[in-house]
Amino acid sequence: MSEMKEILNFFDKEIDEILSLAAELKFDSGHVLLQHVIGLYGSIIEMSRSIKVLYVNGHFTPIPVVLRTMLEAFVDLTNLCKDPKYGYSLTINSKKELLKFLNAAQDNQNVYTIMSDKNPNLDKDIADFKGQIEELKADGIKGINIKDKFKKADMLDEYLMIYNRLCACTHNDIQALRARHLVLDKNSFSIEFFKKEDTQSMYESFGIASELLLRATYEIHCLLKSGKEKELQSLRDDLNEIRGDA
C-alpha cells in the first residue's frame, strides 16, 4: 500500500510540474507538424489526469483502455519527433478511414450514416478523398499498421509486453473479463461489479502512465529546445527511485 501511495503522490506532482513547464513552451502555432505533436502531447497530459480521476472514483475498468490510447499517442508523438515525414503515413491512414465512412453513406446500408447520406456533395467528397489518397501513394506514401508504428519507435518490447495486455482489456478478452468480475472462493465463485482495486495492477498502471507522460515530455522539450533538462532530470530521478532503478 505504501508503494501505491508513493506512485500516486509522484503522479500528482509530475502532472503539476509538467503543466507548469508546458506553459513556458514556445513554438510556431502555424506549423502543421508542431500542431500535430502538441495535440498528441496535450491529449497524453489530459488522459493522464483522467486516469487519476477514474481511480479516485473507483472506476478501474476503463483505466487500461485510457492507457492504451495514451500509449498509441506516445508512439505517434515519438515517431513524429524522429521523422516529420511519418505524418504523411498518419494522414493516409486517416483519409482511408474517412473514405470507408463516406462509402458506407453512399451505399445507404448503414443506419449510423444517415446524416452523411443527406450530404448533397457526397459523391464529390468521395472523389476528392480518393484523389488525395492516390496523390499520396504516387509520392511513395504508405499507411502504417500499429505493430510497425511500435517498431519504428524502437518499442517492440512495449508492443509485445504492454500494448497486447492493454488490448486484451480493451477488447474484453475472456481472461480480462474474469479478472475484472470473477471472485473465486474455494469451489465456488461469484460475479462482482465495481470490484475493489487490484493494488498491484493499479501500481503497474500508474507506473506506465508516469513513464509515458515523462517520456513524452522529454520528446517535446527536446524538439522545442526548451532548456528544461534540469527540471526533467529531477522528475526522472524521483520516478527511478520509486521503481528502485536509482
Foldseek 3Di string as FASTA:
>chain_A
DVLLVLLVVLLVVLLVVLVVLVVLFDDDCVDPLVVLLVVLLVLLSVLSVVLVVCVVVLNNLCLLVSLLVNVLSLLLNLLCLVPVCVVLLVVLVVLVVVLVLLVCLCVVPDPVCVVVVPDPCSVVVNVVSVVVNVVSVVVVHHHDDDCVSCVSSVNNVCVVPPNVVSVCSVVVPVVNLCVQFWDDDVPDIDGDHSDGDPSVVVSVSSLSSLVSSLVSSVSVCVSRVVVCVVVSVVSVVSSCVSVVND
